[in-house]
Amino acid sequence: VLGQRIVFHMERTRERPDQEAFARSWFGRVARQMGEL
């Protein structure tokens, strides 16, 4: 599930460069959840 979420966020920043403002937060919360696995 988390892997697919990363791909989704990557695609979103590619399609909407202005959304890169949120990329660090998006990937950070996924990384924290991956760490809990």
Full PDB file with SEQRES, HELIX, SHEET, SSBOND, CRYST1, ORIGX, SCALE, CONECT and MASTER records, all heavy atoms in Angstrom:
SEQRES   1 A   37  VAL LEU GLY GLN ARG ILE VAL PHE HIS MET GLU ARG THR          
SEQRES   2 A   37  ARG GLU ARG PRO ASP GLN GLU ALA PHE ALA ARG SER TRP          
SEQRES   3 A   37  PHE GLY ARG VAL ALA ARG GLN MET GLY GLU LEU                  
HELIX    1 AA1 LEU A    2  GLU A   15  1                                  14    
HELIX    2 AA2 PRO A   17  PHE A   22  5                                   6    
HELIX    3 AA3 ALA A   23  GLY A   35  1                                  13    
CRYST1    1.000    1.000    1.000  90.00  90.00  90.00 P 1           1          
ORIGX1      1.000000  0.000000  0.000000        0.00000                         
ORIGX2      0.000000  1.000000  0.000000        0.00000                         
ORIGX3      0.000000  0.000000  1.000000        0.00000                         
SCALE1      1.000000  0.000000  0.000000        0.00000                         
SCALE2      0.000000  1.000000  0.000000        0.00000                         
SCALE3      0.000000  0.000000  1.000000        0.00000                         
ATOM      1  N   VAL A   1       0.837  -1.208   0.000  1.00  0.00           N  
ATOM      2  CA  VAL A   1       0.000   0.000   0.000  1.00  0.00           C  
ATOM      3  C   VAL A   1       0.870   1.255   0.000  1.00  0.00           C  
ATOM      4  O   VAL A   1       0.647   2.194  -0.775  1.00  0.00           O  
ATOM      5  CB  VAL A   1      -0.954   0.000   1.210  1.00  0.00           C  
ATOM      6  CG1 VAL A   1      -1.688   1.336   1.318  1.00  0.00           C  
ATOM      7  CG2 VAL A   1      -1.958  -1.142   1.100  1.00  0.00           C  
ATOM      8  N   LEU A   2       1.887   1.267   0.857  1.00  0.00           N  
ATOM      9  CA  LEU A   2       2.757   2.443   0.955  1.00  0.00           C  
ATOM     10  C   LEU A   2       3.535   2.680  -0.336  1.00  0.00           C  
ATOM     11  O   LEU A   2       3.743   3.831  -0.741  1.00  0.00           O  
ATOM     12  CB  LEU A   2       3.722   2.275   2.133  1.00  0.00           C  
ATOM     13  CG  LEU A   2       3.093   2.368   3.523  1.00  0.00           C  
ATOM     14  CD1 LEU A   2       4.111   1.997   4.588  1.00  0.00           C  
ATOM     15  CD2 LEU A   2       2.537   3.760   3.779  1.00  0.00           C  
ATOM     16  N   GLY A   3       3.967   1.606  -0.983  1.00  0.00           N  
ATOM     17  CA  GLY A   3       4.683   1.751  -2.242  1.00  0.00           C  
ATOM     18  C   GLY A   3       3.838   2.433  -3.305  1.00  0.00           C  
ATOM     19  O   GLY A   3       4.314   3.305  -4.050  1.00  0.00           O  
ATOM     20  N   GLN A   4       2.572   2.050  -3.369  1.00  0.00           N  
ATOM     21  CA  GLN A   4       1.669   2.674  -4.337  1.00  0.00           C  
ATOM     22  C   GLN A   4       1.410   4.141  -3.997  1.00  0.00           C  
ATOM     23  O   GLN A   4       1.244   4.980  -4.890  1.00  0.00           O  
ATOM     24  CB  GLN A   4       0.348   1.906  -4.381  1.00  0.00           C  
ATOM     25  CG  GLN A   4       0.489   0.495  -4.938  1.00  0.00           C  
ATOM     26  CD  GLN A   4      -0.813  -0.270  -4.824  1.00  0.00           C  
ATOM     27  OE1 GLN A   4      -1.682  -0.166  -5.690  1.00  0.00           O  
ATOM     28  NE2 GLN A   4      -0.959  -1.043  -3.752  1.00  0.00           N  
ATOM     29  N   ARG A   5       1.399   4.439  -2.722  1.00  0.00           N  
ATOM     30  CA  ARG A   5       1.192   5.830  -2.325  1.00  0.00           C  
ATOM     31  C   ARG A   5       2.376   6.706  -2.750  1.00  0.00           C  
ATOM     32  O   ARG A   5       2.179   7.845  -3.197  1.00  0.00           O  
ATOM     33  CB  ARG A   5       0.987   5.902  -0.814  1.00  0.00           C  
ATOM     34  CG  ARG A   5       0.724   7.317  -0.316  1.00  0.00           C  
ATOM     35  CD  ARG A   5       0.371   7.331   1.150  1.00  0.00           C  
ATOM     36  NE  ARG A   5       0.270   8.685   1.649  1.00  0.00           N  
ATOM     37  CZ  ARG A   5       0.044   9.009   2.919  1.00  0.00           C  
ATOM     38  NH1 ARG A   5      -0.143   8.042   3.818  1.00  0.00           N  
ATOM     39  NH2 ARG A   5      -0.024  10.260   3.307  1.00  0.00           N  
ATOM     40  N   ILE A   6       3.580   6.180  -2.637  1.00  0.00           N  
ATOM     41  CA  ILE A   6       4.754   6.932  -3.075  1.00  0.00           C  
ATOM     42  C   ILE A   6       4.662   7.242  -4.567  1.00  0.00           C  
ATOM     43  O   ILE A   6       4.920   8.368  -5.006  1.00  0.00           O  
ATOM     44  CB  ILE A   6       6.048   6.149  -2.755  1.00  0.00           C  
ATOM     45  CG1 ILE A   6       6.307   6.162  -1.248  1.00  0.00           C  
ATOM     46  CG2 ILE A   6       7.239   6.752  -3.496  1.00  0.00           C  
ATOM     47  CD1 ILE A   6       7.490   5.325  -0.828  1.00  0.00           C  
ATOM     48  N   VAL A   7       4.289   6.233  -5.351  1.00  0.00           N  
ATOM     49  CA  VAL A   7       4.152   6.434  -6.796  1.00  0.00           C  
ATOM     50  C   VAL A   7       3.107   7.515  -7.086  1.00  0.00           C  
ATOM     51  O   VAL A   7       3.295   8.376  -7.952  1.00  0.00           O  
ATOM     52  CB  VAL A   7       3.774   5.116  -7.500  1.00  0.00           C  
ATOM     53  CG1 VAL A   7       3.434   5.357  -8.971  1.00  0.00           C  
ATOM     54  CG2 VAL A   7       4.904   4.110  -7.382  1.00  0.00           C  
ATOM     55  N   PHE A   8       2.006   7.477  -6.354  1.00  0.00           N  
ATOM     56  CA  PHE A   8       0.948   8.476  -6.536  1.00  0.00           C  
ATOM     57  C   PHE A   8       1.476   9.886  -6.295  1.00  0.00           C  
ATOM     58  O   PHE A   8       1.228  10.804  -7.089  1.00  0.00           O  
ATOM     59  CB  PHE A   8      -0.211   8.181  -5.580  1.00  0.00           C  
ATOM     60  CG  PHE A   8      -1.236   9.274  -5.499  1.00  0.00           C  
ATOM     61  CD1 PHE A   8      -2.162   9.456  -6.520  1.00  0.00           C  
ATOM     62  CD2 PHE A   8      -1.282  10.128  -4.403  1.00  0.00           C  
ATOM     63  CE1 PHE A   8      -3.114  10.474  -6.455  1.00  0.00           C  
ATOM     64  CE2 PHE A   8      -2.224  11.143  -4.323  1.00  0.00           C  
ATOM     65  CZ  PHE A   8      -3.140  11.309  -5.352  1.00  0.00           C  
ATOM     66  N   HIS A   9       2.227  10.076  -5.198  1.00  0.00           N  
ATOM     67  CA  HIS A   9       2.763  11.401  -4.898  1.00  0.00           C  
ATOM     68  C   HIS A   9       3.814  11.830  -5.926  1.00  0.00           C  
ATOM     69  O   HIS A   9       3.888  13.014  -6.288  1.00  0.00           O  
ATOM     70  CB  HIS A   9       3.364  11.422  -3.495  1.00  0.00           C  
ATOM     71  CG  HIS A   9       2.345  11.375  -2.399  1.00  0.00           C  
ATOM     72  ND1 HIS A   9       1.213  12.158  -2.404  1.00  0.00           N  
ATOM     73  CD2 HIS A   9       2.290  10.646  -1.243  1.00  0.00           C  
ATOM     74  CE1 HIS A   9       0.499  11.921  -1.313  1.00  0.00           C  
ATOM     75  NE2 HIS A   9       1.132  11.005  -0.600  1.00  0.00           N  
ATOM     76  N   MET A  10       4.625  10.886  -6.391  1.00  0.00           N  
ATOM     77  CA  MET A  10       5.611  11.208  -7.415  1.00  0.00           C  
ATOM     78  C   MET A  10       4.924  11.699  -8.692  1.00  0.00           C  
ATOM     79  O   MET A  10       5.332  12.701  -9.290  1.00  0.00           O  
ATOM     80  CB  MET A  10       6.457   9.971  -7.730  1.00  0.00           C  
ATOM     81  CG  MET A  10       7.426   9.582  -6.626  1.00  0.00           C  
ATOM     82  SD  MET A  10       8.775  10.770  -6.415  1.00  0.00           S  
ATOM     83  CE  MET A  10       9.677  10.493  -7.928  1.00  0.00           C  
ATOM     84  N   GLU A  11       3.876  10.991  -9.086  1.00  0.00           N  
ATOM     85  CA  GLU A  11       3.144  11.385 -10.288  1.00  0.00           C  
ATOM     86  C   GLU A  11       2.474  12.741 -10.116  1.00  0.00           C  
ATOM     87  O   GLU A  11       2.412  13.548 -11.051  1.00  0.00           O  
ATOM     88  CB  GLU A  11       2.100  10.316 -10.638  1.00  0.00           C  
ATOM     89  CG  GLU A  11       2.698   9.031 -11.178  1.00  0.00           C  
ATOM     90  CD  GLU A  11       3.446   9.255 -12.483  1.00  0.00           C  
ATOM     91  OE1 GLU A  11       2.885   9.887 -13.396  1.00  0.00           O  
ATOM     92  OE2 GLU A  11       4.616   8.823 -12.567  1.00  0.00           O  
ATOM     93  N   ARG A  12       1.980  12.985  -8.920  1.00  0.00           N  
ATOM     94  CA  ARG A  12       1.303  14.270  -8.671  1.00  0.00           C  
ATOM     95  C   ARG A  12       2.272  15.444  -8.791  1.00  0.00           C  
ATOM     96  O   ARG A  12       1.927  16.483  -9.372  1.00  0.00           O  
ATOM     97  CB  ARG A  12       0.657  14.260  -7.292  1.00  0.00           C  
ATOM     98  CG  ARG A  12      -0.179  15.510  -7.006  1.00  0.00           C  
ATOM     99  CD  ARG A  12      -1.119  15.291  -5.857  1.00  0.00           C  
ATOM    100  NE  ARG A  12      -1.919  16.464  -5.568  1.00  0.00           N  
ATOM    101  CZ  ARG A  12      -3.004  16.830  -6.249  1.00  0.00           C  
ATOM    102  NH1 ARG A  12      -3.410  16.100  -7.266  1.00  0.00           N  
ATOM    103  NH2 ARG A  12      -3.683  17.911  -5.907  1.00  0.00           N  
ATOM    104  N   THR A  13       3.476  15.286  -8.261  1.00  0.00           N  
ATOM    105  CA  THR A  13       4.446  16.375  -8.359  1.00  0.00           C  
ATOM    106  C   THR A  13       4.947  16.542  -9.790  1.00  0.00           C  
ATOM    107  O   THR A  13       5.310  17.651 -10.202  1.00  0.00           O  
ATOM    108  CB  THR A  13       5.644  16.142  -7.420  1.00  0.00           C  
ATOM    109  OG1 THR A  13       6.246  14.867  -7.702  1.00  0.00           O  
ATOM    110  CG2 THR A  13       5.208  16.184  -5.965  1.00  0.00           C  
ATOM    111  N   ARG A  14       4.957  15.449 -10.558  1.00  0.00           N  
ATOM    112  CA  ARG A  14       5.373  15.550 -11.956  1.00  0.00           C  
ATOM    113  C   ARG A  14       4.320  16.290 -12.782  1.00  0.00           C  
ATOM    114  O   ARG A  14       4.640  17.134 -13.618  1.00  0.00           O  
ATOM    115  CB  ARG A  14       5.614  14.162 -12.533  1.00  0.00           C  
ATOM    116  CG  ARG A  14       6.144  14.169 -13.966  1.00  0.00           C  
ATOM    117  CD  ARG A  14       6.361  12.762 -14.484  1.00  0.00           C  
ATOM    118  NE  ARG A  14       5.103  12.038 -14.600  1.00  0.00           N  
ATOM    119  CZ  ARG A  14       4.280  12.140 -15.645  1.00  0.00           C  
ATOM    120  NH1 ARG A  14       4.569  12.957 -16.649  1.00  0.00           N  
ATOM    121  NH2 ARG A  14       3.160  11.433 -15.685  1.00  0.00           N  
ATOM    122  N   GLU A  15       3.047  15.959 -12.516  1.00  0.00           N  
ATOM    123  CA  GLU A  15       1.959  16.583 -13.266  1.00  0.00           C  
ATOM    124  C   GLU A  15       1.680  18.017 -12.808  1.00  0.00           C  
ATOM    125  O   GLU A  15       1.251  18.854 -13.603  1.00  0.00           O  
ATOM    126  CB  GLU A  15       0.689  15.737 -13.123  1.00  0.00           C  
ATOM    127  CG  GLU A  15       0.808  14.354 -13.768  1.00  0.00           C  
ATOM    128  CD  GLU A  15      -0.319  13.434 -13.361  1.00  0.00           C  
ATOM    129  OE1 GLU A  15      -1.227  13.891 -12.621  1.00  0.00           O  
ATOM    130  OE2 GLU A  15      -0.304  12.261 -13.772  1.00  0.00           O  
ATOM    131  N   ARG A  16       1.899  18.252 -11.515  1.00  0.00           N  
ATOM    132  CA  ARG A  16       1.637  19.573 -10.939  1.00  0.00           C  
ATOM    133  C   ARG A  16       2.880  20.044 -10.187  1.00  0.00           C  
ATOM    134  O   ARG A  16       3.005  19.823  -8.979  1.00  0.00           O  
ATOM    135  CB  ARG A  16       0.447  19.498  -9.980  1.00  0.00           C  
ATOM    136  CG  ARG A  16      -0.902  19.247 -10.605  1.00  0.00           C  
ATOM    137  CD  ARG A  16      -1.551  20.549 -11.062  1.00  0.00           C  
ATOM    138  NE  ARG A  16      -1.594  21.541  -9.995  1.00  0.00           N  
ATOM    139  CZ  ARG A  16      -2.548  21.607  -9.049  1.00  0.00           C  
ATOM    140  NH1 ARG A  16      -3.540  20.731  -9.051  1.00  0.00           N  
ATOM    141  NH2 ARG A  16      -2.517  22.558  -8.127  1.00  0.00           N  
ATOM    142  N   PRO A  17       3.834  20.667 -10.865  1.00  0.00           N  
ATOM    143  CA  PRO A  17       5.074  21.083 -10.198  1.00  0.00           C  
ATOM    144  C   PRO A  17       4.845  21.965  -8.980  1.00  0.00           C  
ATOM    145  O   PRO A  17       5.669  21.958  -8.057  1.00  0.00           O  
ATOM    146  CB  PRO A  17       5.823  21.836 -11.309  1.00  0.00           C  
ATOM    147  CG  PRO A  17       5.335  21.216 -12.577  1.00  0.00           C  
ATOM    148  CD  PRO A  17       3.880  20.919 -12.318  1.00  0.00           C  
ATOM    149  N   ASP A  18       3.745  22.716  -8.948  1.00  0.00           N  
ATOM    150  CA  ASP A  18       3.486  23.567  -7.787  1.00  0.00           C  
ATOM    151  C   ASP A  18       3.242  22.756  -6.523  1.00  0.00           C  
ATOM    152  O   ASP A  18       3.377  23.266  -5.405  1.00  0.00           O  
ATOM    153  CB  ASP A  18       2.301  24.497  -8.057  1.00  0.00           C  
ATOM    154  CG  ASP A  18       1.000  23.737  -8.274  1.00  0.00           C  
ATOM    155  OD1 ASP A  18       0.993  22.792  -9.088  1.00  0.00           O  
ATOM    156  OD2 ASP A  18      -0.008  24.091  -7.634  1.00  0.00           O  
ATOM    157  N   GLN A  19       2.898  21.465  -6.704  1.00  0.00           N  
ATOM    158  CA  GLN A  19       2.650  20.605  -5.546  1.00  0.00           C  
ATOM    159  C   GLN A  19       3.932  20.113  -4.880  1.00  0.00           C  
ATOM    160  O   GLN A  19       3.892  19.465  -3.835  1.00  0.00           O  
ATOM    161  CB  GLN A  19       1.803  19.404  -5.971  1.00  0.00           C  
ATOM    162  CG  GLN A  19       0.421  19.764  -6.471  1.00  0.00           C  
ATOM    163  CD  GLN A  19      -0.406  20.468  -5.421  1.00  0.00           C  
ATOM    164  OE1 GLN A  19      -0.851  19.864  -4.449  1.00  0.00           O  
ATOM    165  NE2 GLN A  19      -0.630  21.768  -5.605  1.00  0.00           N  
ATOM    166  N   GLU A  20       5.076  20.426  -5.485  1.00  0.00           N  
ATOM    167  CA  GLU A  20       6.351  20.071  -4.860  1.00  0.00           C  
ATOM    168  C   GLU A  20       6.512  20.743  -3.494  1.00  0.00           C  
ATOM    169  O   GLU A  20       7.311  20.305  -2.670  1.00  0.00           O  
ATOM    170  CB  GLU A  20       7.509  20.442  -5.782  1.00  0.00           C  
ATOM    171  CG  GLU A  20       7.606  19.550  -7.012  1.00  0.00           C  
ATOM    172  CD  GLU A  20       8.787  19.906  -7.894  1.00  0.00           C  
ATOM    173  OE1 GLU A  20       9.636  20.716  -7.460  1.00  0.00           O  
ATOM    174  OE2 GLU A  20       8.858  19.375  -9.022  1.00  0.00           O  
ATOM    175  N   ALA A  21       5.746  21.794  -3.257  1.00  0.00           N  
ATOM    176  CA  ALA A  21       5.787  22.465  -1.954  1.00  0.00           C  
ATOM    177  C   ALA A  21       5.393  21.522  -0.830  1.00  0.00           C  
ATOM    178  O   ALA A  21       5.776  21.723   0.327  1.00  0.00           O  
ATOM    179  CB  ALA A  21       4.862  23.680  -1.968  1.00  0.00           C  
ATOM    180  N   PHE A  22       4.621  20.468  -1.165  1.00  0.00           N  
ATOM    181  CA  PHE A  22       4.142  19.529  -0.154  1.00  0.00           C  
ATOM    182  C   PHE A  22       4.885  18.194  -0.190  1.00  0.00           C  
ATOM    183  O   PHE A  22       4.614  17.316   0.624  1.00  0.00           O  
ATOM    184  CB  PHE A  22       2.645  19.269  -0.356  1.00  0.00           C  
ATOM    185  CG  PHE A  22       1.819  20.516  -0.418  1.00  0.00           C  
ATOM    186  CD1 PHE A  22       1.327  20.982  -1.637  1.00  0.00           C  
ATOM    187  CD2 PHE A  22       1.553  21.256   0.719  1.00  0.00           C  
ATOM    188  CE1 PHE A  22       0.572  22.143  -1.703  1.00  0.00           C  
ATOM    189  CE2 PHE A  22       0.795  22.416   0.664  1.00  0.00           C  
ATOM    190  CZ  PHE A  22       0.309  22.864  -0.554  1.00  0.00           C  
ATOM    191  N   ALA A  23       5.825  18.034  -1.134  1.00  0.00           N  
ATOM    192  CA  ALA A  23       6.468  16.732  -1.347  1.00  0.00           C  
ATOM    193  C   ALA A  23       7.208  16.239  -0.116  1.00  0.00           C  
ATOM    194  O   ALA A  23       7.122  15.053   0.243  1.00  0.00           O  
ATOM    195  CB  ALA A  23       7.416  16.803  -2.547  1.00  0.00           C  
ATOM    196  N   ARG A  24       7.943  17.101   0.543  1.00  0.00           N  
ATOM    197  CA  ARG A  24       8.724  16.658   1.704  1.00  0.00           C  
ATOM    198  C   ARG A  24       7.810  16.144   2.808  1.00  0.00           C  
ATOM    199  O   ARG A  24       8.109  15.138   3.457  1.00  0.00           O  
ATOM    200  CB  ARG A  24       9.609  17.798   2.222  1.00  0.00           C  
ATOM    201  CG  ARG A  24      10.598  17.328   3.274  1.00  0.00           C  
ATOM    202  CD  ARG A  24      11.650  18.377   3.555  1.00  0.00           C  
ATOM    203  NE  ARG A  24      11.084  19.555   4.195  1.00  0.00           N  
ATOM    204  CZ  ARG A  24      11.815  20.587   4.622  1.00  0.00           C  
ATOM    205  NH1 ARG A  24      13.118  20.594   4.432  1.00  0.00           N  
ATOM    206  NH2 ARG A  24      11.238  21.620   5.207  1.00  0.00           N  
ATOM    207  N   SER A  25       6.693  16.811   3.004  1.00  0.00           N  
ATOM    208  CA  SER A  25       5.732  16.362   4.016  1.00  0.00           C  
ATOM    209  C   SER A  25       5.110  15.025   3.617  1.00  0.00           C  
ATOM    210  O   SER A  25       5.000  14.110   4.437  1.00  0.00           O  
ATOM    211  CB  SER A  25       4.639  17.418   4.199  1.00  0.00           C  
ATOM    212  OG  SER A  25       3.606  16.937   5.038  1.00  0.00           O  
ATOM    213  N   TRP A  26       4.701  14.897   2.345  1.00  0.00           N  
ATOM    214  CA  TRP A  26       4.088  13.658   1.878  1.00  0.00           C  
ATOM    215  C   TRP A  26       5.028  12.467   2.053  1.00  0.00           C  
ATOM    216  O   TRP A  26       4.659  11.442   2.615  1.00  0.00           O  
ATOM    217  CB  TRP A  26       3.723  13.781   0.404  1.00  0.00           C  
ATOM    218  CG  TRP A  26       2.601  14.714   0.104  1.00  0.00           C  
ATOM    219  CD1 TRP A  26       1.652  15.170   0.976  1.00  0.00           C  
ATOM    220  CD2 TRP A  26       2.305  15.312  -1.158  1.00  0.00           C  
ATOM    221  NE1 TRP A  26       0.782  16.008   0.322  1.00  0.00           N  
ATOM    222  CE2 TRP A  26       1.152  16.113  -0.981  1.00  0.00           C  
ATOM    223  CE3 TRP A  26       2.893  15.254  -2.416  1.00  0.00           C  
ATOM    224  CZ2 TRP A  26       0.583  16.842  -2.021  1.00  0.00           C  
ATOM    225  CZ3 TRP A  26       2.329  15.977  -3.460  1.00  0.00           C  
ATOM    226  CH2 TRP A  26       1.188  16.766  -3.257  1.00  0.00           C  
ATOM    227  N   PHE A  27       6.250  12.619   1.556  1.00  0.00           N  
ATOM    228  CA  PHE A  27       7.195  11.507   1.620  1.00  0.00           C  
ATOM    229  C   PHE A  27       7.649  11.250   3.058  1.00  0.00           C  
ATOM    230  O   PHE A  27       7.936  10.113   3.424  1.00  0.00           O  
ATOM    231  CB  PHE A  27       8.402  11.781   0.717  1.00  0.00           C  
ATOM    232  CG  PHE A  27       8.052  11.863  -0.740  1.00  0.00           C  
ATOM    233  CD1 PHE A  27       8.611  12.835  -1.550  1.00  0.00           C  
ATOM    234  CD2 PHE A  27       7.148  10.977  -1.305  1.00  0.00           C  
ATOM    235  CE1 PHE A  27       8.279  12.919  -2.903  1.00  0.00           C  
ATOM    236  CE2 PHE A  27       6.808  11.057  -2.653  1.00  0.00           C  
ATOM    237  CZ  PHE A  27       7.373  12.031  -3.447  1.00  0.00           C  
ATOM    238  N   GLY A  28       7.695  12.302   3.853  1.00  0.00           N  
ATOM    239  CA  GLY A  28       8.103  12.138   5.241  1.00  0.00           C  
ATOM    240  C   GLY A  28       7.130  11.297   6.039  1.00  0.00           C  
ATOM    241  O   GLY A  28       7.536  10.447   6.834  1.00  0.00           O  
ATOM    242  N   ARG A  29       5.839  11.502   5.828  1.00  0.00           N  
ATOM    243  CA  ARG A  29       4.863  10.715   6.585  1.00  0.00           C  
ATOM    244  C   ARG A  29       4.851   9.263   6.124  1.00  0.00           C  
ATOM    245  O   ARG A  29       4.662   8.349   6.937  1.00  0.00           O  
ATOM    246  CB  ARG A  29       3.477  11.362   6.539  1.00  0.00           C  
ATOM    247  CG  ARG A  29       2.830  11.452   5.201  1.00  0.00           C  
ATOM    248  CD  ARG A  29       1.759  12.538   5.178  1.00  0.00           C  
ATOM    249  NE  ARG A  29       0.558  12.209   5.935  1.00  0.00           N  
ATOM    250  CZ  ARG A  29      -0.455  13.064   6.144  1.00  0.00           C  
ATOM    251  NH1 ARG A  29      -0.384  14.297   5.652  1.00  0.00           N  
ATOM    252  NH2 ARG A  29      -1.520  12.699   6.832  1.00  0.00           N  
ATOM    253  N   VAL A  30       5.096   9.019   4.816  1.00  0.00           N  
ATOM    254  CA  VAL A  30       5.189   7.642   4.330  1.00  0.00           C  
ATOM    255  C   VAL A  30       6.441   6.973   4.890  1.00  0.00           C  
ATOM    256  O   VAL A  30       6.406   5.809   5.308  1.00  0.00           O  
ATOM    257  CB  VAL A  30       5.196   7.604   2.782  1.00  0.00           C  
ATOM    258  CG1 VAL A  30       5.441   6.178   2.293  1.00  0.00           C  
ATOM    259  CG2 VAL A  30       3.877   8.128   2.228  1.00  0.00           C  
ATOM    260  N   ALA A  31       7.546   7.696   4.920  1.00  0.00           N  
ATOM    261  CA  ALA A  31       8.787   7.141   5.448  1.00  0.00           C  
ATOM    262  C   ALA A  31       8.645   6.743   6.908  1.00  0.00           C  
ATOM    263  O   ALA A  31       9.154   5.700   7.339  1.00  0.00           O  
ATOM    264  CB  ALA A  31       9.917   8.161   5.290  1.00  0.00           C  
ATOM    265  N   ARG A  32       7.927   7.562   7.681  1.00  0.00           N  
ATOM    266  CA  ARG A  32       7.730   7.231   9.097  1.00  0.00           C  
ATOM    267  C   ARG A  32       6.913   5.949   9.237  1.00  0.00           C  
ATOM    268  O   ARG A  32       7.211   5.094  10.076  1.00  0.00           O  
ATOM    269  CB  ARG A  32       7.023   8.381   9.815  1.00  0.00           C  
ATOM    270  CG  ARG A  32       6.750   8.083  11.285  1.00  0.00           C  
ATOM    271  CD  ARG A  32       6.299   9.307  12.037  1.00  0.00           C  
ATOM    272  NE  ARG A  32       7.346  10.296  12.140  1.00  0.00           N  
ATOM    273  CZ  ARG A  32       7.314  11.346  12.959  1.00  0.00           C  
ATOM    274  NH1 ARG A  32       6.279  11.509  13.761  1.00  0.00           N  
ATOM    275  NH2 ARG A  32       8.296  12.213  12.999  1.00  0.00           N  
ATOM    276  N   GLN A  33       5.907   5.785   8.406  1.00  0.00           N  
ATOM    277  CA  GLN A  33       5.092   4.563   8.472  1.00  0.00           C  
ATOM    278  C   GLN A  33       5.893   3.345   8.021  1.00  0.00           C  
ATOM    279  O   GLN A  33       5.725   2.259   8.567  1.00  0.00           O  
ATOM    280  CB  GLN A  33       3.835   4.740   7.622  1.00  0.00           C  
ATOM    281  CG  GLN A  33       2.854   5.734   8.231  1.00  0.00           C  
ATOM    282  CD  GLN A  33       1.603   5.899   7.404  1.00  0.00           C  
ATOM    283  OE1 GLN A  33       1.645   5.974   6.185  1.00  0.00           O  
ATOM    284  NE2 GLN A  33       0.466   5.949   8.068  1.00  0.00           N  
ATOM    285  N   MET A  34       6.745   3.515   7.017  1.00  0.00           N  
ATOM    286  CA  MET A  34       7.578   2.405   6.578  1.00  0.00           C  
ATOM    287  C   MET A  34       8.515   1.967   7.710  1.00  0.00           C  
ATOM    288  O   MET A  34       8.770   0.783   7.897  1.00  0.00           O  
ATOM    289  CB  MET A  34       8.393   2.813   5.352  1.00  0.00           C  
ATOM    290  CG  MET A  34       7.604   2.776   4.060  1.00  0.00           C  
ATOM    291  SD  MET A  34       8.640   3.091   2.621  1.00  0.00           S  
ATOM    292  CE  MET A  34       7.552   2.492   1.310  1.00  0.00           C  
ATOM    293  N   GLY A  35       9.005   2.950   8.460  1.00  0.00           N  
ATOM    294  CA  GLY A  35       9.883   2.641   9.589  1.00  0.00           C  
ATOM    295  C   GLY A  35       9.210   1.810  10.661  1.00  0.00           C  
ATOM    296  O   GLY A  35       9.857   1.018  11.363  1.00  0.00           O  
ATOM    297  N   GLU A  36       7.902   1.941  10.787  1.00  0.00           N  
ATOM    298  CA  GLU A  36       7.161   1.193  11.791  1.00  0.00           C  
ATOM    299  C   GLU A  36       6.924  -0.256  11.382  1.00  0.00           C  
ATOM    300  O   GLU A  36       6.490  -1.072  12.193  1.00  0.00           O  
ATOM    301  CB  GLU A  36       5.825   1.878  12.066  1.00  0.00           C  
ATOM    302  CG  GLU A  36       5.975   3.240  12.731  1.00  0.00           C  
ATOM    303  CD  GLU A  36       4.658   3.950  12.952  1.00  0.00           C  
ATOM    304  OE1 GLU A  36       3.613   3.423  12.503  1.00  0.00           O  
ATOM    305  OE2 GLU A  36       4.676   5.040  13.555  1.00  0.00           O  
ATOM    306  N   LEU A  37       7.215  -0.596  10.111  1.00  0.00           N  
ATOM    307  CA  LEU A  37       7.022  -1.962   9.651  1.00  0.00           C  
ATOM    308  C   LEU A  37       8.195  -2.857  10.016  1.00  0.00           C  
ATOM    309  O   LEU A  37       8.062  -4.075  10.033  1.00  0.00           O  
ATOM    310  CB  LEU A  37       6.853  -1.991   8.119  1.00  0.00           C  
ATOM    311  CG  LEU A  37       5.652  -1.221   7.555  1.00  0.00           C  
ATOM    312  CD1 LEU A  37       5.601  -1.380   6.039  1.00  0.00           C  
ATOM    313  CD2 LEU A  37       4.351  -1.706   8.169  1.00  0.00           C  
TER     314      LEU A  37                                                      
MASTER        0    0    0    3    0    0    0    6  313    1    0    3          
END                                                                             
